[in-house]
Amino acid sequence: MPKIGFVFDGGRIAARRLAAIRLDPEEHDAWEVHSLTEWRRAMRPPSYARLRAVEEARGTGPAYLVSGGGAGAPPP
């Protein structure tokens, strides 16, 4: 099934705001905040590569990342 993902930079979030996050259990069961180093250890390389690209784009303004190339899709 094709997927599309969007990432929006919400800036830094204070601990009190993080503590107030409530998830819809029909959609999500957890959320986490980690440094890039910690995420690198926890994620598969393709997923981490996307996260790293997002971090790099934060300093350059809007950016687009095309990755994958699932069944029937042309290579990037």
PDB file of N, CA and C in Angstrom:
ATOM      1  N   MET A   1       0.842  -1.169   0.000  1.00  0.00           N
ATOM      2  CA  MET A   1       0.000   0.000   0.000  1.00  0.00           C
ATOM      3  C   MET A   1       0.892   1.238   0.000  1.00  0.00           C
ATOM      4  N   PRO A   2       0.692   2.167  -0.903  1.00  0.00           N
ATOM      5  CA  PRO A   2       1.488   3.402  -0.913  1.00  0.00           C
ATOM      6  C   PRO A   2       1.307   4.193   0.377  1.00  0.00           C
ATOM      7  N   LYS A   3       2.356   4.875   0.759  1.00  0.00           N
ATOM      8  CA  LYS A   3       2.319   5.683   1.973  1.00  0.00           C
ATOM      9  C   LYS A   3       2.815   7.080   1.662  1.00  0.00           C
ATOM     10  N   ILE A   4       2.358   8.027   2.447  1.00  0.00           N
ATOM     11  CA  ILE A   4       2.867   9.384   2.364  1.00  0.00           C
ATOM     12  C   ILE A   4       2.998   9.890   3.796  1.00  0.00           C
ATOM     13  N   GLY A   5       4.032  10.635   4.062  1.00  0.00           N
ATOM     14  CA  GLY A   5       4.233  11.147   5.411  1.00  0.00           C
ATOM     15  C   GLY A   5       4.602  12.614   5.376  1.00  0.00           C
ATOM     16  N   PHE A   6       4.168  13.330   6.373  1.00  0.00           N
ATOM     17  CA  PHE A   6       4.479  14.749   6.496  1.00  0.00           C
ATOM     18  C   PHE A   6       5.095  14.983   7.859  1.00  0.00           C
ATOM     19  N   VAL A   7       6.070  15.858   7.920  1.00  0.00           N
ATOM     20  CA  VAL A   7       6.694  16.236   9.182  1.00  0.00           C
ATOM     21  C   VAL A   7       6.614  17.744   9.299  1.00  0.00           C
ATOM     22  N   PHE A   8       6.113  18.208  10.424  1.00  0.00           N
ATOM     23  CA  PHE A   8       6.017  19.641  10.676  1.00  0.00           C
ATOM     24  C   PHE A   8       6.863  19.949  11.897  1.00  0.00           C
ATOM     25  N   ASP A   9       7.694  20.968  11.791  1.00  0.00           N
ATOM     26  CA  ASP A   9       8.557  21.362  12.898  1.00  0.00           C
ATOM     27  C   ASP A   9       7.770  22.252  13.842  1.00  0.00           C
ATOM     28  N   GLY A  10       7.482  21.733  15.013  1.00  0.00           N
ATOM     29  CA  GLY A  10       6.741  22.499  16.012  1.00  0.00           C
ATOM     30  C   GLY A  10       7.646  23.250  16.968  1.00  0.00           C
ATOM     31  N   GLY A  11       8.951  23.244  16.685  1.00  0.00           N
ATOM     32  CA  GLY A  11       9.888  23.913  17.583  1.00  0.00           C
ATOM     33  C   GLY A  11      10.107  23.092  18.841  1.00  0.00           C
ATOM     34  N   ARG A  12      10.703  23.718  19.820  1.00  0.00           N
ATOM     35  CA  ARG A  12      10.948  23.031  21.088  1.00  0.00           C
ATOM     36  C   ARG A  12       9.674  23.035  21.916  1.00  0.00           C
ATOM     37  N   ILE A  13       9.413  21.913  22.568  1.00  0.00           N
ATOM     38  CA  ILE A  13       8.212  21.782  23.384  1.00  0.00           C
ATOM     39  C   ILE A  13       8.638  21.597  24.834  1.00  0.00           C
ATOM     40  N   ALA A  14       8.127  22.450  25.703  1.00  0.00           N
ATOM     41  CA  ALA A  14       8.472  22.396  27.128  1.00  0.00           C
ATOM     42  C   ALA A  14       7.955  21.103  27.755  1.00  0.00           C
ATOM     43  N   ALA A  15       8.610  20.677  28.820  1.00  0.00           N
ATOM     44  CA  ALA A  15       8.246  19.437  29.506  1.00  0.00           C
ATOM     45  C   ALA A  15       6.784  19.431  29.941  1.00  0.00           C
ATOM     46  N   ARG A  16       6.276  20.568  30.422  1.00  0.00           N
ATOM     47  CA  ARG A  16       4.873  20.609  30.865  1.00  0.00           C
ATOM     48  C   ARG A  16       3.916  20.377  29.702  1.00  0.00           C
ATOM     49  N   ARG A  17       4.283  20.840  28.509  1.00  0.00           N
ATOM     50  CA  ARG A  17       3.430  20.605  27.330  1.00  0.00           C
ATOM     51  C   ARG A  17       3.520  19.150  26.881  1.00  0.00           C
ATOM     52  N   LEU A  18       4.734  18.578  26.967  1.00  0.00           N
ATOM     53  CA  LEU A  18       4.878  17.160  26.627  1.00  0.00           C
ATOM     54  C   LEU A  18       4.029  16.298  27.557  1.00  0.00           C
ATOM     55  N   ALA A  19       4.033  16.645  28.851  1.00  0.00           N
ATOM     56  CA  ALA A  19       3.264  15.877  29.833  1.00  0.00           C
ATOM     57  C   ALA A  19       1.765  15.965  29.579  1.00  0.00           C
ATOM     58  N   ALA A  20       1.330  16.983  28.875  1.00  0.00           N
ATOM     59  CA  ALA A  20      -0.095  17.169  28.614  1.00  0.00           C
ATOM     60  C   ALA A  20      -0.570  16.436  27.353  1.00  0.00           C
ATOM     61  N   ILE A  21       0.326  15.830  26.616  1.00  0.00           N
ATOM     62  CA  ILE A  21      -0.066  15.137  25.381  1.00  0.00           C
ATOM     63  C   ILE A  21      -0.950  13.947  25.718  1.00  0.00           C
ATOM     64  N   ARG A  22      -2.077  13.857  25.026  1.00  0.00           N
ATOM     65  CA  ARG A  22      -2.995  12.733  25.160  1.00  0.00           C
ATOM     66  C   ARG A  22      -3.246  12.171  23.769  1.00  0.00           C
ATOM     67  N   LEU A  23      -3.046  10.885  23.608  1.00  0.00           N
ATOM     68  CA  LEU A  23      -3.226  10.241  22.313  1.00  0.00           C
ATOM     69  C   LEU A  23      -4.608   9.615  22.201  1.00  0.00           C
ATOM     70  N   ASP A  24      -5.114   9.563  20.985  1.00  0.00           N
ATOM     71  CA  ASP A  24      -6.343   8.834  20.717  1.00  0.00           C
ATOM     72  C   ASP A  24      -5.963   7.357  20.637  1.00  0.00           C
ATOM     73  N   PRO A  25      -6.435   6.523  21.576  1.00  0.00           N
ATOM     74  CA  PRO A  25      -6.036   5.110  21.574  1.00  0.00           C
ATOM     75  C   PRO A  25      -6.481   4.341  20.332  1.00  0.00           C
ATOM     76  N   GLU A  26      -7.412   4.892  19.590  1.00  0.00           N
ATOM     77  CA  GLU A  26      -7.816   4.257  18.329  1.00  0.00           C
ATOM     78  C   GLU A  26      -6.754   4.437  17.249  1.00  0.00           C
ATOM     79  N   GLU A  27      -5.887   5.436  17.432  1.00  0.00           N
ATOM     80  CA  GLU A  27      -4.896   5.743  16.406  1.00  0.00           C
ATOM     81  C   GLU A  27      -3.458   5.483  16.842  1.00  0.00           C
ATOM     82  N   HIS A  28      -3.144   5.733  18.115  1.00  0.00           N
ATOM     83  CA  HIS A  28      -1.758   5.632  18.584  1.00  0.00           C
ATOM     84  C   HIS A  28      -1.731   5.018  19.975  1.00  0.00           C
ATOM     85  N   ASP A  29      -0.620   4.362  20.291  1.00  0.00           N
ATOM     86  CA  ASP A  29      -0.500   3.799  21.633  1.00  0.00           C
ATOM     87  C   ASP A  29       0.739   4.299  22.379  1.00  0.00           C
ATOM     88  N   ALA A  30       1.574   5.113  21.723  1.00  0.00           N
ATOM     89  CA  ALA A  30       2.784   5.604  22.401  1.00  0.00           C
ATOM     90  C   ALA A  30       3.376   6.771  21.619  1.00  0.00           C
ATOM     91  N   TRP A  31       4.171   7.562  22.305  1.00  0.00           N
ATOM     92  CA  TRP A  31       4.988   8.598  21.674  1.00  0.00           C
ATOM     93  C   TRP A  31       6.284   8.679  22.473  1.00  0.00           C
ATOM     94  N   GLU A  32       7.334   9.141  21.824  1.00  0.00           N
ATOM     95  CA  GLU A  32       8.644   9.190  22.467  1.00  0.00           C
ATOM     96  C   GLU A  32       9.409  10.422  22.005  1.00  0.00           C
ATOM     97  N   VAL A  33      10.275  10.912  22.870  1.00  0.00           N
ATOM     98  CA  VAL A  33      11.175  12.012  22.546  1.00  0.00           C
ATOM     99  C   VAL A  33      12.587  11.522  22.846  1.00  0.00           C
ATOM    100  N   HIS A  34      13.462  11.610  21.837  1.00  0.00           N
ATOM    101  CA  HIS A  34      14.848  11.165  21.989  1.00  0.00           C
ATOM    102  C   HIS A  34      15.771  12.097  21.213  1.00  0.00           C
ATOM    103  N   SER A  35      17.039  12.032  21.517  1.00  0.00           N
ATOM    104  CA  SER A  35      18.041  12.729  20.717  1.00  0.00           C
ATOM    105  C   SER A  35      18.240  11.933  19.420  1.00  0.00           C
ATOM    106  N   LEU A  36      18.865  12.561  18.417  1.00  0.00           N
ATOM    107  CA  LEU A  36      19.140  11.834  17.172  1.00  0.00           C
ATOM    108  C   LEU A  36      20.010  10.610  17.417  1.00  0.00           C
ATOM    109  N   THR A  37      20.966  10.728  18.331  1.00  0.00           N
ATOM    110  CA  THR A  37      21.824   9.581  18.643  1.00  0.00           C
ATOM    111  C   THR A  37      21.002   8.415  19.173  1.00  0.00           C
ATOM    112  N   GLU A  38      20.063   8.707  20.054  1.00  0.00           N
ATOM    113  CA  GLU A  38      19.212   7.650  20.608  1.00  0.00           C
ATOM    114  C   GLU A  38      18.288   7.066  19.538  1.00  0.00           C
ATOM    115  N   TRP A  39      17.738   7.938  18.683  1.00  0.00           N
ATOM    116  CA  TRP A  39      16.885   7.435  17.605  1.00  0.00           C
ATOM    117  C   TRP A  39      17.687   6.546  16.662  1.00  0.00           C
ATOM    118  N   ARG A  40      18.937   6.907  16.404  1.00  0.00           N
ATOM    119  CA  ARG A  40      19.757   6.097  15.485  1.00  0.00           C
ATOM    120  C   ARG A  40      19.892   4.668  15.988  1.00  0.00           C
ATOM    121  N   ARG A  41      20.048   4.512  17.298  1.00  0.00           N
ATOM    122  CA  ARG A  41      20.160   3.157  17.872  1.00  0.00           C
ATOM    123  C   ARG A  41      18.833   2.400  17.815  1.00  0.00           C
ATOM    124  N   ALA A  42      17.711   3.124  17.863  1.00  0.00           N
ATOM    125  CA  ALA A  42      16.399   2.491  17.955  1.00  0.00           C
ATOM    126  C   ALA A  42      15.740   2.211  16.601  1.00  0.00           C
ATOM    127  N   MET A  43      16.179   2.889  15.551  1.00  0.00           N
ATOM    128  CA  MET A  43      15.492   2.806  14.259  1.00  0.00           C
ATOM    129  C   MET A  43      16.262   1.973  13.248  1.00  0.00           C
ATOM    130  N   ARG A  44      15.513   1.430  12.278  1.00  0.00           N
ATOM    131  CA  ARG A  44      16.161   0.770  11.144  1.00  0.00           C
ATOM    132  C   ARG A  44      16.822   1.836  10.278  1.00  0.00           C
ATOM    133  N   PRO A  45      17.911   1.508   9.592  1.00  0.00           N
ATOM    134  CA  PRO A  45      18.641   2.502   8.803  1.00  0.00           C
ATOM    135  C   PRO A  45      17.789   3.312   7.815  1.00  0.00           C
ATOM    136  N   PRO A  46      16.863   2.713   7.051  1.00  0.00           N
ATOM    137  CA  PRO A  46      16.076   3.543   6.129  1.00  0.00           C
ATOM    138  C   PRO A  46      15.203   4.578   6.860  1.00  0.00           C
ATOM    139  N   SER A  47      14.619   4.190   7.974  1.00  0.00           N
ATOM    140  CA  SER A  47      13.791   5.113   8.749  1.00  0.00           C
ATOM    141  C   SER A  47      14.643   6.215   9.358  1.00  0.00           C
ATOM    142  N   TYR A  48      15.804   5.846   9.876  1.00  0.00           N
ATOM    143  CA  TYR A  48      16.689   6.856  10.461  1.00  0.00           C
ATOM    144  C   TYR A  48      17.184   7.832   9.388  1.00  0.00           C
ATOM    145  N   ALA A  49      17.435   7.344   8.186  1.00  0.00           N
ATOM    146  CA  ALA A  49      17.889   8.228   7.103  1.00  0.00           C
ATOM    147  C   ALA A  49      16.843   9.303   6.821  1.00  0.00           C
ATOM    148  N   ARG A  50      15.565   8.939   6.859  1.00  0.00           N
ATOM    149  CA  ARG A  50      14.505   9.934   6.671  1.00  0.00           C
ATOM    150  C   ARG A  50      14.490  10.932   7.815  1.00  0.00           C
ATOM    151  N   LEU A  51      14.615  10.441   9.047  1.00  0.00           N
ATOM    152  CA  LEU A  51      14.635  11.333  10.208  1.00  0.00           C
ATOM    153  C   LEU A  51      15.822  12.286  10.127  1.00  0.00           C
ATOM    154  N   ARG A  52      16.973  11.789   9.742  1.00  0.00           N
ATOM    155  CA  ARG A  52      18.170  12.626   9.624  1.00  0.00           C
ATOM    156  C   ARG A  52      17.962  13.701   8.543  1.00  0.00           C
ATOM    157  N   ALA A  53      17.334  13.329   7.437  1.00  0.00           N
ATOM    158  CA  ALA A  53      17.057  14.307   6.379  1.00  0.00           C
ATOM    159  C   ALA A  53      16.121  15.400   6.885  1.00  0.00           C
ATOM    160  N   VAL A  54      15.157  15.025   7.711  1.00  0.00           N
ATOM    161  CA  VAL A  54      14.250  16.017   8.305  1.00  0.00           C
ATOM    162  C   VAL A  54      15.040  16.978   9.184  1.00  0.00           C
ATOM    163  N   GLU A  55      15.917  16.448  10.006  1.00  0.00           N
ATOM    164  CA  GLU A  55      16.726  17.297  10.894  1.00  0.00           C
ATOM    165  C   GLU A  55      17.598  18.257  10.092  1.00  0.00           C
ATOM    166  N   GLU A  56      18.207  17.770   9.023  1.00  0.00           N
ATOM    167  CA  GLU A  56      19.051  18.629   8.197  1.00  0.00           C
ATOM    168  C   GLU A  56      18.231  19.719   7.516  1.00  0.00           C
ATOM    169  N   ALA A  57      16.998  19.411   7.128  1.00  0.00           N
ATOM    170  CA  ALA A  57      16.145  20.386   6.445  1.00  0.00           C
ATOM    171  C   ALA A  57      15.658  21.484   7.382  1.00  0.00           C
ATOM    172  N   ARG A  58      15.684  21.245   8.676  1.00  0.00           N
ATOM    173  CA  ARG A  58      15.208  22.264   9.629  1.00  0.00           C
ATOM    174  C   ARG A  58      15.952  23.581   9.460  1.00  0.00           C
ATOM    175  N   GLY A  59      17.207  23.524   9.080  1.00  0.00           N
ATOM    176  CA  GLY A  59      17.992  24.745   8.945  1.00  0.00           C
ATOM    177  C   GLY A  59      17.915  25.388   7.576  1.00  0.00           C
ATOM    178  N   THR A  60      17.242  24.746   6.628  1.00  0.00           N
ATOM    179  CA  THR A  60      17.233  25.255   5.262  1.00  0.00           C
ATOM    180  C   THR A  60      15.860  25.687   4.781  1.00  0.00           C
ATOM    181  N   GLY A  61      14.846  25.523   5.586  1.00  0.00           N
ATOM    182  CA  GLY A  61      13.485  25.873   5.163  1.00  0.00           C
ATOM    183  C   GLY A  61      12.782  24.675   4.571  1.00  0.00           C
ATOM    184  N   PRO A  62      11.657  24.899   3.898  1.00  0.00           N
ATOM    185  CA  PRO A  62      10.872  23.788   3.357  1.00  0.00           C
ATOM    186  C   PRO A  62      11.720  22.885   2.464  1.00  0.00           C
ATOM    187  N   ALA A  63      11.486  21.585   2.598  1.00  0.00           N
ATOM    188  CA  ALA A  63      12.226  20.619   1.802  1.00  0.00           C
ATOM    189  C   ALA A  63      11.327  19.434   1.500  1.00  0.00           C
ATOM    190  N   TYR A  64      11.670  18.702   0.453  1.00  0.00           N
ATOM    191  CA  TYR A  64      10.931  17.511   0.075  1.00  0.00           C
ATOM    192  C   TYR A  64      11.912  16.355   0.015  1.00  0.00           C
ATOM    193  N   LEU A  65      11.498  15.216   0.546  1.00  0.00           N
ATOM    194  CA  LEU A  65      12.321  14.013   0.495  1.00  0.00           C
ATOM    195  C   LEU A  65      11.490  12.933  -0.153  1.00  0.00           C
ATOM    196  N   VAL A  66      11.998  12.378  -1.229  1.00  0.00           N
ATOM    197  CA  VAL A  66      11.326  11.280  -1.893  1.00  0.00           C
ATOM    198  C   VAL A  66      12.189  10.054  -1.680  1.00  0.00           C
ATOM    199  N   SER A  67      11.598   9.025  -1.103  1.00  0.00           N
ATOM    200  CA  SER A  67      12.366   7.805  -0.853  1.00  0.00           C
ATOM    201  C   SER A  67      11.490   6.609  -1.161  1.00  0.00           C
ATOM    202  N   GLY A  68      12.108   5.463  -1.164  1.00  0.00           N
ATOM    203  CA  GLY A  68      11.338   4.240  -1.360  1.00  0.00           C
ATOM    204  C   GLY A  68      11.313   3.853  -2.812  1.00  0.00           C
ATOM    205  N   GLY A  69      10.132   3.733  -3.343  1.00  0.00           N
ATOM    206  CA  GLY A  69       9.956   3.222  -4.694  1.00  0.00           C
ATOM    207  C   GLY A  69       9.270   1.885  -4.614  1.00  0.00           C
ATOM    208  N   GLY A  70       8.184   1.837  -3.848  1.00  0.00           N
ATOM    209  CA  GLY A  70       7.439   0.590  -3.635  1.00  0.00           C
ATOM    210  C   GLY A  70       7.028  -0.056  -4.955  1.00  0.00           C
ATOM    211  N   ALA A  71       6.282  -1.109  -4.852  1.00  0.00           N
ATOM    212  CA  ALA A  71       5.862  -1.890  -6.024  1.00  0.00           C
ATOM    213  C   ALA A  71       5.239  -1.001  -7.084  1.00  0.00           C
ATOM    214  N   GLY A  72       5.770  -1.064  -8.279  1.00  0.00           N
ATOM    215  CA  GLY A  72       5.225  -0.320  -9.397  1.00  0.00           C
ATOM    216  C   GLY A  72       5.669   1.137  -9.472  1.00  0.00           C
ATOM    217  N   ALA A  73       6.375   1.609  -8.478  1.00  0.00           N
ATOM    218  CA  ALA A  73       6.819   3.010  -8.502  1.00  0.00           C
ATOM    219  C   ALA A  73       8.163   3.120  -9.193  1.00  0.00           C
ATOM    220  N   PRO A  74       8.382   4.210  -9.920  1.00  0.00           N
ATOM    221  CA  PRO A  74       9.698   4.390 -10.540  1.00  0.00           C
ATOM    222  C   PRO A  74      10.745   4.652  -9.472  1.00  0.00           C
ATOM    223  N   PRO A  75      11.992   4.276  -9.719  1.00  0.00           N
ATOM    224  CA  PRO A  75      13.040   4.550  -8.724  1.00  0.00           C
ATOM    225  C   PRO A  75      13.226   6.053  -8.559  1.00  0.00           C
ATOM    226  N   PRO A  76      13.626   6.487  -7.344  1.00  0.00           N
ATOM    227  CA  PRO A  76      13.828   7.929  -7.115  1.00  0.00           C
ATOM    228  C   PRO A  76      14.997   8.474  -7.913  1.00  0.00           C
TER     229      PRO A  76
END
